[in-house]
Amino acid sequence: MTQVCAISIYVPNVEKAIEFYKNVLGFEVNKQYGPKLFTLVHGELPIVIEESEIATDNASTSGVVLTLKTDDIHQSLAVLKEHNVELIIGEPADCPPGKYIIFRDPFGNVWEYLQFMK
């Protein structure tokens, strides 16, 4: 089963991002998975903030990734491969909450599947 999990936002400075999302937009810190990875919520809308070297302050690039929750990362990967979807991270990789893969839709938007540890 797949469902929308969160919107992930990669930022160059996690403290500055949390300050903005809390103080300006009214999000609350929900969970901390490590020193550079947080889940924030606003009502029922979750976002994941992660400090990353690939994020920049350049306004011409986007650090937004749409995340889908999956119960079976290997099955989700098989479906993507069956449809020749462009894979960015094409084998399940470990992350603090579980395992993930990253891919692009036909329009270049970045998506990821995330399977939480049980």
C-alpha atoms as a PDB file:
ATOM      1  CA  MET A   1       0.000   0.000   0.000  1.00  0.00           C
ATOM      2  CA  THR A   2       1.269   3.463  -0.898  1.00  0.00           C
ATOM      3  CA  GLN A   3       0.149   6.714   0.639  1.00  0.00           C
ATOM      4  CA  VAL A   4       1.381  10.283   0.755  1.00  0.00           C
ATOM      5  CA  CYS A   5       3.813  10.537   3.611  1.00  0.00           C
ATOM      6  CA  ALA A   6       5.363  13.987   3.571  1.00  0.00           C
ATOM      7  CA  ILE A   7       7.059  16.689   1.621  1.00  0.00           C
ATOM      8  CA  SER A   8      10.820  16.602   2.139  1.00  0.00           C
ATOM      9  CA  ILE A   9      12.751  19.848   1.965  1.00  0.00           C
ATOM     10  CA  TYR A  10      16.538  19.743   1.694  1.00  0.00           C
ATOM     11  CA  VAL A  11      18.167  22.843   3.153  1.00  0.00           C
ATOM     12  CA  PRO A  12      21.729  24.112   3.630  1.00  0.00           C
ATOM     13  CA  ASN A  13      21.079  25.045   7.299  1.00  0.00           C
ATOM     14  CA  VAL A  14      18.591  23.013   9.354  1.00  0.00           C
ATOM     15  CA  GLU A  15      18.510  25.429  12.325  1.00  0.00           C
ATOM     16  CA  LYS A  16      17.644  28.367  10.071  1.00  0.00           C
ATOM     17  CA  ALA A  17      14.969  26.280   8.327  1.00  0.00           C
ATOM     18  CA  ILE A  18      13.346  25.166  11.591  1.00  0.00           C
ATOM     19  CA  GLU A  19      13.322  28.751  12.833  1.00  0.00           C
ATOM     20  CA  PHE A  20      11.542  29.881   9.635  1.00  0.00           C
ATOM     21  CA  TYR A  21       8.986  27.073   9.528  1.00  0.00           C
ATOM     22  CA  LYS A  22       8.190  27.396  13.245  1.00  0.00           C
ATOM     23  CA  ASN A  23       8.216  31.160  13.704  1.00  0.00           C
ATOM     24  CA  VAL A  24       6.910  32.284  10.320  1.00  0.00           C
ATOM     25  CA  LEU A  25       4.639  29.449   9.140  1.00  0.00           C
ATOM     26  CA  GLY A  26       3.535  27.966  12.477  1.00  0.00           C
ATOM     27  CA  PHE A  27       4.919  24.420  12.107  1.00  0.00           C
ATOM     28  CA  GLU A  28       5.875  22.422  15.212  1.00  0.00           C
ATOM     29  CA  VAL A  29       8.781  19.999  15.539  1.00  0.00           C
ATOM     30  CA  ASN A  30       7.280  16.507  15.671  1.00  0.00           C
ATOM     31  CA  LYS A  31      10.308  14.181  15.643  1.00  0.00           C
ATOM     32  CA  GLN A  32      14.072  14.409  15.406  1.00  0.00           C
ATOM     33  CA  TYR A  33      15.763  11.499  13.596  1.00  0.00           C
ATOM     34  CA  GLY A  34      19.305  12.842  13.897  1.00  0.00           C
ATOM     35  CA  PRO A  35      21.156  16.132  14.199  1.00  0.00           C
ATOM     36  CA  LYS A  36      20.167  17.181  10.677  1.00  0.00           C
ATOM     37  CA  LEU A  37      16.802  15.471  10.102  1.00  0.00           C
ATOM     38  CA  PHE A  38      13.459  16.614  11.553  1.00  0.00           C
ATOM     39  CA  THR A  39       9.765  16.105  10.930  1.00  0.00           C
ATOM     40  CA  LEU A  40       7.592  19.175  11.425  1.00  0.00           C
ATOM     41  CA  VAL A  41       3.797  19.328  11.357  1.00  0.00           C
ATOM     42  CA  HIS A  42       1.189  21.985  10.749  1.00  0.00           C
ATOM     43  CA  GLY A  43      -2.197  20.484  11.510  1.00  0.00           C
ATOM     44  CA  GLU A  44      -2.090  17.226   9.584  1.00  0.00           C
ATOM     45  CA  LEU A  45       0.510  18.391   7.048  1.00  0.00           C
ATOM     46  CA  PRO A  46       3.917  16.845   7.752  1.00  0.00           C
ATOM     47  CA  ILE A  47       7.153  18.095   6.229  1.00  0.00           C
ATOM     48  CA  VAL A  48      10.611  16.625   6.585  1.00  0.00           C
ATOM     49  CA  ILE A  49      13.497  19.074   6.905  1.00  0.00           C
ATOM     50  CA  GLU A  50      16.944  17.670   6.199  1.00  0.00           C
ATOM     51  CA  GLU A  51      20.244  19.492   6.041  1.00  0.00           C
ATOM     52  CA  SER A  52      22.058  18.354   2.936  1.00  0.00           C
ATOM     53  CA  GLU A  53      25.186  19.283   1.040  1.00  0.00           C
ATOM     54  CA  ILE A  54      23.188  19.140  -2.199  1.00  0.00           C
ATOM     55  CA  ALA A  55      20.916  21.970  -1.016  1.00  0.00           C
ATOM     56  CA  THR A  56      21.926  25.491  -1.904  1.00  0.00           C
ATOM     57  CA  ASP A  57      20.718  28.997  -1.259  1.00  0.00           C
ATOM     58  CA  ASN A  58      20.361  29.453  -5.036  1.00  0.00           C
ATOM     59  CA  ALA A  59      16.762  30.404  -5.808  1.00  0.00           C
ATOM     60  CA  SER A  60      16.943  28.719  -9.221  1.00  0.00           C
ATOM     61  CA  THR A  61      17.112  25.256  -7.656  1.00  0.00           C
ATOM     62  CA  SER A  62      14.538  23.471  -5.555  1.00  0.00           C
ATOM     63  CA  GLY A  63      15.252  21.271  -2.572  1.00  0.00           C
ATOM     64  CA  VAL A  64      11.683  19.979  -2.381  1.00  0.00           C
ATOM     65  CA  VAL A  65      11.085  16.225  -2.667  1.00  0.00           C
ATOM     66  CA  LEU A  66       7.647  14.636  -2.555  1.00  0.00           C
ATOM     67  CA  THR A  67       7.649  11.529  -0.368  1.00  0.00           C
ATOM     68  CA  LEU A  68       5.317   8.562  -0.611  1.00  0.00           C
ATOM     69  CA  LYS A  69       5.081   5.991   2.165  1.00  0.00           C
ATOM     70  CA  THR A  70       5.245   2.379   1.052  1.00  0.00           C
ATOM     71  CA  ASP A  71       4.786  -0.858   2.957  1.00  0.00           C
ATOM     72  CA  ASP A  72       7.113  -2.720   0.541  1.00  0.00           C
ATOM     73  CA  ILE A  73      10.042  -0.750  -0.890  1.00  0.00           C
ATOM     74  CA  HIS A  74      11.089  -3.661  -3.127  1.00  0.00           C
ATOM     75  CA  GLN A  75       7.637  -3.953  -4.712  1.00  0.00           C
ATOM     76  CA  SER A  76       7.534  -0.174  -5.291  1.00  0.00           C
ATOM     77  CA  LEU A  77      10.979  -0.347  -6.901  1.00  0.00           C
ATOM     78  CA  ALA A  78       9.860  -3.214  -9.164  1.00  0.00           C
ATOM     79  CA  VAL A  79       6.891  -1.157 -10.409  1.00  0.00           C
ATOM     80  CA  LEU A  80       9.158   1.815 -11.170  1.00  0.00           C
ATOM     81  CA  LYS A  81      11.589  -0.407 -13.080  1.00  0.00           C
ATOM     82  CA  GLU A  82       8.710  -2.057 -14.967  1.00  0.00           C
ATOM     83  CA  HIS A  83       7.688   1.406 -16.215  1.00  0.00           C
ATOM     84  CA  ASN A  84      11.271   2.515 -17.004  1.00  0.00           C
ATOM     85  CA  VAL A  85      11.136   5.343 -14.482  1.00  0.00           C
ATOM     86  CA  GLU A  86      14.384   7.295 -14.079  1.00  0.00           C
ATOM     87  CA  LEU A  87      15.948   6.201 -10.799  1.00  0.00           C
ATOM     88  CA  ILE A  88      18.216   8.536  -8.854  1.00  0.00           C
ATOM     89  CA  ILE A  89      18.801   6.114  -5.979  1.00  0.00           C
ATOM     90  CA  GLY A  90      17.716   2.818  -7.492  1.00  0.00           C
ATOM     91  CA  GLU A  91      18.420   0.406  -4.656  1.00  0.00           C
ATOM     92  CA  PRO A  92      16.834   0.712  -1.206  1.00  0.00           C
ATOM     93  CA  ALA A  93      19.142   2.865   0.913  1.00  0.00           C
ATOM     94  CA  ASP A  94      19.152   3.171   4.691  1.00  0.00           C
ATOM     95  CA  CYS A  95      18.016   6.352   6.407  1.00  0.00           C
ATOM     96  CA  PRO A  96      17.140   7.040  10.065  1.00  0.00           C
ATOM     97  CA  PRO A  97      13.408   6.240   9.714  1.00  0.00           C
ATOM     98  CA  GLY A  98      13.854   3.195   7.407  1.00  0.00           C
ATOM     99  CA  LYS A  99      14.717   2.656   3.720  1.00  0.00           C
ATOM    100  CA  TYR A 100      14.152   4.839   0.671  1.00  0.00           C
ATOM    101  CA  ILE A 101      14.570   5.114  -3.091  1.00  0.00           C
ATOM    102  CA  ILE A 102      14.530   8.312  -5.160  1.00  0.00           C
ATOM    103  CA  PHE A 103      13.212   8.773  -8.695  1.00  0.00           C
ATOM    104  CA  ARG A 104      11.977  11.397 -11.175  1.00  0.00           C
ATOM    105  CA  ASP A 105       8.556  11.678 -12.711  1.00  0.00           C
ATOM    106  CA  PRO A 106       8.321  12.285 -16.497  1.00  0.00           C
ATOM    107  CA  PHE A 107       8.555  16.032 -15.888  1.00  0.00           C
ATOM    108  CA  GLY A 108      11.776  15.981 -13.816  1.00  0.00           C
ATOM    109  CA  ASN A 109      10.142  16.323 -10.392  1.00  0.00           C
ATOM    110  CA  VAL A 110      11.945  14.392  -7.669  1.00  0.00           C
ATOM    111  CA  TRP A 111       9.984  11.819  -5.648  1.00  0.00           C
ATOM    112  CA  GLU A 112      10.953   9.244  -3.087  1.00  0.00           C
ATOM    113  CA  TYR A 113       9.411   6.134  -1.630  1.00  0.00           C
ATOM    114  CA  LEU A 114      10.013   5.643   2.091  1.00  0.00           C
ATOM    115  CA  GLN A 115       9.431   2.434   4.015  1.00  0.00           C
ATOM    116  CA  PHE A 116       9.466   3.028   7.766  1.00  0.00           C
ATOM    117  CA  MET A 117      11.174   0.524  10.038  1.00  0.00           C
ATOM    118  CA  LYS A 118       8.725  -1.596  11.937  1.00  0.00           C
END
